[in-house]
Amino acid sequence: MNLDPKQTEALRAVIETGSFEQAAVRLHLTASAVSQRVRALESNLGNPLVVRSRPARATLVGQRLLQYLHRVMQLEADLASDLAVERYSPLLLTIALNADTLGTWFFPALARALVREEVLIDLIVEDQDHTYTLLESGMAIGCIGSEEKPMKGCFADALGVMRYRLVASKSFCQRWFPQGMNRNDARRAPVVAYSHKDTLQAGFLENHFGLLADAYPCHYVPGTEPHLAAIRHGLGYGMVPELLLGESIVDLIDLAPEYPCDVKLFWHSWKVQSPRMEALSKQIVDAARAVLVGGERG
């Protein structure tokens, strides 16, 4: 199988930008030229590669090809670095991870390794239940998420448990839960979630009070620090990583101290890796297991 680099470049641009028009702007071509290159690649492989929707997305075969292209690019970059006269040749890695991992242990644990291994990172922040699809689609070379089963050709290493506490400010509790948290008050009290994909609060309220997601008001505040700030300032209550609370828990009330929410996290990446990606994978696993609940048991 001979892959034309101009054709594969056009495919990547279409999927990454979401349209043939934007891909044309990136590649300094006309949209017609980009379309012709993608169609030629599809003809060569005998399979459709792009679903022509808005945004454009890869077919299953297209996803497999993108996975292959990303892996080849990183292996080539690593080899070029090894052969370079000057040692400095940074490797760009696209990693998908959840906001709470990014907002707690990721940089403190991995900054030195990223500098040492000369790695540039392109981080895609997504809910932990959805990072896996970015690896599956070929948009990321590795991901941290809640999916346990590895994709074909990949491995999944258990990292440990991210433990969450359902917390609220003291003023919020005085207003909404003066007698402690109960079903009737929970139907009126506003929740603070990260996004519409964030199901931690919804899962707790359904399991413990039988309340469905549309049975109570909800704020949506993305980002680990802004999310905690919204809770601390009394906008609502919500699940916050135990790692993030630290001493600030004294300013907040744990609404369900006997019922923490535990989310198992896993590191997914390809079995065949470049040397630097292999080193970074090990660092991610070791760092996570050092801080997450039960991580030492892997």
Protein backbone atom coordinates (compact mmCIF):
# COMPACT_ATOMS: atom_id res chain seq x y z
CA MET A 1 0.00 0.00 0.00
CA ASN A 2 1.51 3.30 -1.15
CA LEU A 3 0.10 6.35 0.61
CA ASP A 4 0.47 9.71 -1.09
CA PRO A 5 1.62 12.21 1.58
CA LYS A 6 -0.32 15.06 -0.04
CA GLN A 7 -3.49 12.99 0.05
CA THR A 8 -3.04 11.91 3.66
CA GLU A 9 -2.22 15.51 4.63
CA ALA A 10 -5.50 16.60 3.05
CA LEU A 11 -7.41 13.92 4.98
CA ARG A 12 -5.89 14.96 8.30
CA ALA A 13 -6.64 18.62 7.61
CA VAL A 14 -10.30 17.89 6.80
CA ILE A 15 -10.88 15.88 9.97
CA GLU A 16 -8.91 18.20 12.24
CA THR A 17 -10.62 21.37 10.96
CA GLY A 18 -14.03 19.80 10.39
CA SER A 19 -14.54 20.93 6.79
CA PHE A 20 -13.00 20.90 3.32
CA GLU A 21 -13.13 24.69 3.24
CA GLN A 22 -11.12 25.13 6.45
CA ALA A 23 -8.71 22.40 5.34
CA ALA A 24 -8.17 24.36 2.13
CA VAL A 25 -7.30 27.49 4.12
CA ARG A 26 -4.81 25.53 6.23
CA LEU A 27 -3.14 23.94 3.18
CA HIS A 28 -3.31 27.06 0.97
CA LEU A 29 -5.34 25.17 -1.64
CA THR A 30 -8.83 25.39 -3.04
CA ALA A 31 -11.58 23.31 -1.45
CA SER A 32 -11.93 21.50 -4.77
CA ALA A 33 -8.25 20.49 -4.70
CA VAL A 34 -8.57 19.19 -1.15
CA SER A 35 -11.67 17.22 -2.11
CA GLN A 36 -9.88 15.72 -5.12
CA ARG A 37 -6.97 14.57 -2.97
CA VAL A 38 -9.26 12.95 -0.41
CA ARG A 39 -11.31 11.25 -3.13
CA ALA A 40 -8.10 9.95 -4.75
CA LEU A 41 -7.03 8.50 -1.39
CA GLU A 42 -10.45 6.89 -0.93
CA SER A 43 -10.22 5.42 -4.42
CA ASN A 44 -6.73 4.10 -3.73
CA LEU A 45 -7.85 2.38 -0.52
CA GLY A 46 -11.22 1.29 -1.85
CA ASN A 47 -13.10 2.73 1.12
CA PRO A 48 -14.82 5.99 2.07
CA LEU A 49 -12.73 7.85 4.64
CA VAL A 50 -14.81 10.95 5.40
CA VAL A 51 -18.44 11.38 6.34
CA ARG A 52 -19.33 14.58 4.48
CA SER A 53 -21.30 16.14 7.34
CA ARG A 54 -20.90 19.35 9.32
CA PRO A 55 -18.48 18.98 10.89
CA ALA A 56 -16.81 16.42 8.66
CA ARG A 57 -15.80 13.28 10.52
CA ALA A 58 -13.85 10.13 9.78
CA THR A 59 -15.45 6.82 8.89
CA LEU A 60 -14.27 3.72 10.78
CA VAL A 61 -11.69 3.06 8.07
CA GLY A 62 -10.74 6.73 8.15
CA GLN A 63 -10.23 6.53 11.90
CA ARG A 64 -7.90 3.54 11.51
CA LEU A 65 -5.91 5.38 8.87
CA LEU A 66 -5.61 8.48 11.07
CA GLN A 67 -4.42 6.31 13.97
CA TYR A 68 -1.76 4.84 11.70
CA LEU A 69 -0.69 8.26 10.38
CA HIS A 70 -0.30 9.73 13.88
CA ARG A 71 1.82 6.79 15.01
CA VAL A 72 4.04 6.94 11.92
CA MET A 73 4.54 10.69 12.36
CA GLN A 74 5.67 10.26 15.95
CA LEU A 75 7.99 7.36 15.19
CA GLU A 76 9.53 9.40 12.36
CA ALA A 77 9.92 12.43 14.64
CA ASP A 78 11.66 10.34 17.27
CA LEU A 79 14.00 8.80 14.71
CA ALA A 80 14.80 12.24 13.26
CA SER A 81 15.67 13.44 16.73
CA ASP A 82 18.04 10.51 17.28
CA LEU A 83 19.76 11.15 13.95
CA ALA A 84 19.89 14.94 14.23
CA VAL A 85 23.26 16.62 14.58
CA GLU A 86 21.79 18.80 17.29
CA ARG A 87 20.06 16.77 19.94
CA TYR A 88 17.18 19.19 20.46
CA SER A 89 14.23 18.11 18.35
CA PRO A 90 10.99 18.25 20.31
CA LEU A 91 8.36 15.58 19.82
CA LEU A 92 4.73 16.71 19.66
CA LEU A 93 2.25 14.40 21.42
CA THR A 94 -1.51 14.83 21.41
CA ILE A 95 -3.01 13.52 24.65
CA ALA A 96 -6.66 13.50 25.70
CA LEU A 97 -7.40 13.78 29.41
CA ASN A 98 -10.10 14.89 31.83
CA ALA A 99 -10.09 18.35 33.38
CA ASP A 100 -9.59 17.09 36.94
CA THR A 101 -6.45 15.18 36.00
CA LEU A 102 -5.11 18.33 34.32
CA GLY A 103 -6.12 20.48 37.28
CA THR A 104 -4.57 18.30 39.98
CA TRP A 105 -1.64 15.93 39.49
CA PHE A 106 -0.71 16.04 35.79
CA PHE A 107 1.74 18.95 35.62
CA PRO A 108 3.28 18.64 39.10
CA ALA A 109 4.08 15.01 38.38
CA LEU A 110 5.06 15.21 34.71
CA ALA A 111 6.64 18.61 34.07
CA ARG A 112 10.20 17.37 34.61
CA ALA A 113 9.64 14.35 32.38
CA LEU A 114 8.21 16.50 29.59
CA VAL A 115 11.25 18.78 29.75
CA ARG A 116 13.71 15.90 30.02
CA GLU A 117 12.22 13.95 27.11
CA GLU A 118 11.88 17.13 24.99
CA VAL A 119 8.16 16.61 24.48
CA LEU A 120 5.71 19.24 23.30
CA ILE A 121 2.14 18.45 24.29
CA ASP A 122 -1.15 19.20 22.59
CA LEU A 123 -3.73 18.51 25.30
CA ILE A 124 -7.38 17.85 24.51
CA VAL A 125 -9.54 18.27 27.61
CA GLU A 126 -12.67 16.14 27.63
CA ASP A 127 -14.88 14.35 30.14
CA GLN A 128 -13.24 11.14 31.43
CA ASP A 129 -16.01 9.07 29.81
CA HIS A 130 -15.27 10.55 26.39
CA THR A 131 -11.46 10.80 26.07
CA TYR A 132 -11.32 7.24 24.71
CA THR A 133 -13.22 8.25 21.57
CA LEU A 134 -10.47 10.74 20.72
CA LEU A 135 -7.89 7.95 20.77
CA GLU A 136 -10.28 5.77 18.80
CA SER A 137 -10.80 8.45 16.16
CA GLY A 138 -7.06 9.02 15.72
CA MET A 139 -7.15 12.54 17.16
CA ALA A 140 -4.97 11.57 20.15
CA ILE A 141 -2.01 9.22 20.59
CA GLY A 142 -2.84 8.52 24.24
CA CYS A 143 -5.63 9.23 26.68
CA ILE A 144 -6.55 9.19 30.37
CA GLY A 145 -10.14 8.14 30.93
CA SER A 146 -12.59 5.81 32.59
CA GLU A 147 -12.76 3.17 29.83
CA GLU A 148 -11.16 -0.05 31.06
CA LYS A 149 -11.03 -2.13 27.88
CA PRO A 150 -8.11 -1.33 25.55
CA MET A 151 -8.62 -0.74 21.85
CA LYS A 152 -7.11 -3.26 19.45
CA GLY A 153 -3.38 -2.62 19.20
CA CYS A 154 -3.37 -0.62 22.44
CA PHE A 155 -2.86 -1.28 26.14
CA ALA A 156 -4.76 0.08 29.14
CA ASP A 157 -2.93 0.52 32.45
CA ALA A 158 -4.96 1.07 35.62
CA LEU A 159 -3.91 4.32 37.30
CA GLY A 160 -6.05 4.25 40.41
CA VAL A 161 -9.18 6.06 41.57
CA MET A 162 -9.96 9.75 41.41
CA ARG A 163 -12.10 10.28 44.53
CA TYR A 164 -14.73 13.03 44.55
CA ARG A 165 -16.57 14.67 47.42
CA LEU A 166 -20.01 16.29 47.15
CA VAL A 167 -19.43 19.71 48.69
CA ALA A 168 -21.08 23.10 49.13
CA SER A 169 -20.33 26.37 50.88
CA LYS A 170 -21.64 26.95 54.39
CA SER A 171 -23.91 29.78 53.23
CA PHE A 172 -25.33 27.54 50.49
CA CYS A 173 -26.12 24.79 52.97
CA GLN A 174 -27.80 27.24 55.33
CA ARG A 175 -30.05 28.39 52.50
CA TRP A 176 -30.83 25.15 50.68
CA PHE A 177 -30.08 22.31 53.12
CA PRO A 178 -30.77 23.71 56.62
CA GLN A 179 -31.83 20.24 57.85
CA GLY A 180 -29.16 18.38 55.90
CA MET A 181 -29.39 17.10 52.36
CA ASN A 182 -32.71 15.48 51.47
CA ARG A 183 -34.72 14.66 48.37
CA ASN A 184 -37.19 17.54 48.51
CA ASP A 185 -34.51 20.20 48.96
CA ALA A 186 -32.29 18.56 46.32
CA ARG A 187 -35.06 19.10 43.76
CA ARG A 188 -34.73 22.87 44.24
CA ALA A 189 -31.04 23.37 45.06
CA PRO A 190 -28.82 24.21 42.05
CA VAL A 191 -26.00 21.86 41.08
CA VAL A 192 -22.68 22.95 39.53
CA ALA A 193 -21.49 20.58 36.78
CA TYR A 194 -18.54 20.92 34.39
CA SER A 195 -20.56 20.40 31.22
CA HIS A 196 -23.56 18.56 29.85
CA LYS A 197 -21.34 15.46 29.61
CA ASP A 198 -20.50 15.56 33.33
CA THR A 199 -22.60 12.84 34.97
CA LEU A 200 -21.02 12.66 38.45
CA GLN A 201 -23.64 14.78 40.20
CA ALA A 202 -26.46 13.29 38.14
CA GLY A 203 -25.37 9.76 39.00
CA PHE A 204 -25.23 10.53 42.71
CA LEU A 205 -28.67 12.19 42.81
CA GLU A 206 -30.28 9.39 40.83
CA ASN A 207 -28.69 6.63 42.91
CA HIS A 208 -29.38 8.17 46.32
CA PHE A 209 -32.56 10.19 45.79
CA GLY A 210 -34.08 8.82 42.59
CA LEU A 211 -33.84 12.23 40.91
CA LEU A 212 -33.36 12.28 37.15
CA ALA A 213 -31.11 14.84 35.49
CA ASP A 214 -33.93 17.21 34.56
CA ALA A 215 -35.47 17.20 38.06
CA TYR A 216 -33.26 19.97 39.52
CA PRO A 217 -31.56 23.21 38.35
CA CYS A 218 -27.97 23.03 37.16
CA HIS A 219 -25.12 25.46 36.40
CA TYR A 220 -22.46 24.44 33.85
CA VAL A 221 -19.01 25.80 34.69
CA PRO A 222 -16.09 24.25 32.74
CA GLY A 223 -12.60 24.05 34.19
CA THR A 224 -11.44 22.62 37.49
CA GLU A 225 -10.64 25.89 39.26
CA PRO A 226 -13.68 27.84 37.99
CA HIS A 227 -15.91 24.91 38.92
CA LEU A 228 -14.58 24.90 42.49
CA ALA A 229 -14.80 28.70 42.65
CA ALA A 230 -18.48 28.59 41.68
CA ILE A 231 -19.15 26.14 44.49
CA ARG A 232 -17.07 28.09 47.00
CA HIS A 233 -18.99 31.28 46.13
CA GLY A 234 -22.33 29.60 46.75
CA LEU A 235 -23.71 29.24 43.23
CA GLY A 236 -24.43 25.57 43.81
CA TYR A 237 -23.04 22.29 45.06
CA GLY A 238 -21.13 19.62 43.20
CA MET A 239 -18.50 16.91 43.02
CA VAL A 240 -14.93 18.11 43.59
CA PRO A 241 -11.77 15.97 43.46
CA GLU A 242 -10.46 15.18 46.92
CA LEU A 243 -6.97 16.01 45.63
CA LEU A 244 -8.10 19.55 44.87
CA LEU A 245 -9.78 20.25 48.18
CA GLY A 246 -6.77 20.04 50.48
CA GLU A 247 -7.12 22.52 53.30
CA SER A 248 -9.96 24.35 51.55
CA ILE A 249 -12.33 21.64 52.76
CA VAL A 250 -12.58 23.63 56.01
CA ASP A 251 -14.46 26.32 54.07
CA LEU A 252 -16.83 23.79 52.54
CA ILE A 253 -19.25 21.19 53.85
CA ASP A 254 -19.12 17.58 52.72
CA LEU A 255 -22.77 16.77 52.02
CA ALA A 256 -22.23 13.02 51.83
CA PRO A 257 -19.11 12.11 53.82
CA GLU A 258 -20.01 8.41 53.83
CA TYR A 259 -20.57 8.30 50.07
CA PRO A 260 -17.54 9.50 48.11
CA CYS A 261 -17.71 9.07 44.34
CA ASP A 262 -14.82 7.01 43.00
CA VAL A 263 -13.88 7.10 39.31
CA LYS A 264 -11.37 4.54 38.06
CA LEU A 265 -8.89 6.00 35.59
CA PHE A 266 -6.80 4.25 32.94
CA TRP A 267 -3.96 5.26 30.64
CA HIS A 268 -4.46 4.10 27.04
CA SER A 269 -1.82 4.16 24.35
CA TRP A 270 -0.40 2.06 21.53
CA LYS A 271 1.61 -1.10 22.22
CA VAL A 272 4.21 -0.07 19.63
CA GLN A 273 5.60 3.26 20.81
CA SER A 274 8.53 5.52 20.14
CA PRO A 275 11.19 5.51 22.89
CA ARG A 276 10.16 8.89 24.26
CA MET A 277 6.47 8.00 24.20
CA GLU A 278 7.27 4.78 26.04
CA ALA A 279 9.19 6.74 28.68
CA LEU A 280 6.36 9.24 29.03
CA SER A 281 3.78 6.46 29.32
CA LYS A 282 5.71 4.93 32.20
CA GLN A 283 6.02 8.33 33.88
CA ILE A 284 2.26 8.94 33.58
CA VAL A 285 1.42 5.56 35.09
CA ASP A 286 3.94 5.89 37.93
CA ALA A 287 2.91 9.47 38.73
CA ALA A 288 -0.80 8.67 38.79
CA ARG A 289 -0.37 5.60 40.98
CA ALA A 290 1.59 7.69 43.47
CA VAL A 291 -1.31 10.10 44.08
CA LEU A 292 -4.58 8.35 43.18
CA VAL A 293 -6.52 6.19 45.63
CA GLY A 294 -5.47 2.55 45.31
CA GLY A 295 -2.92 3.47 42.65
CA GLU A 296 -0.09 1.65 44.39
CA ARG A 297 -1.91 -1.58 43.63
CA GLY A 298 -2.15 -0.69 39.94
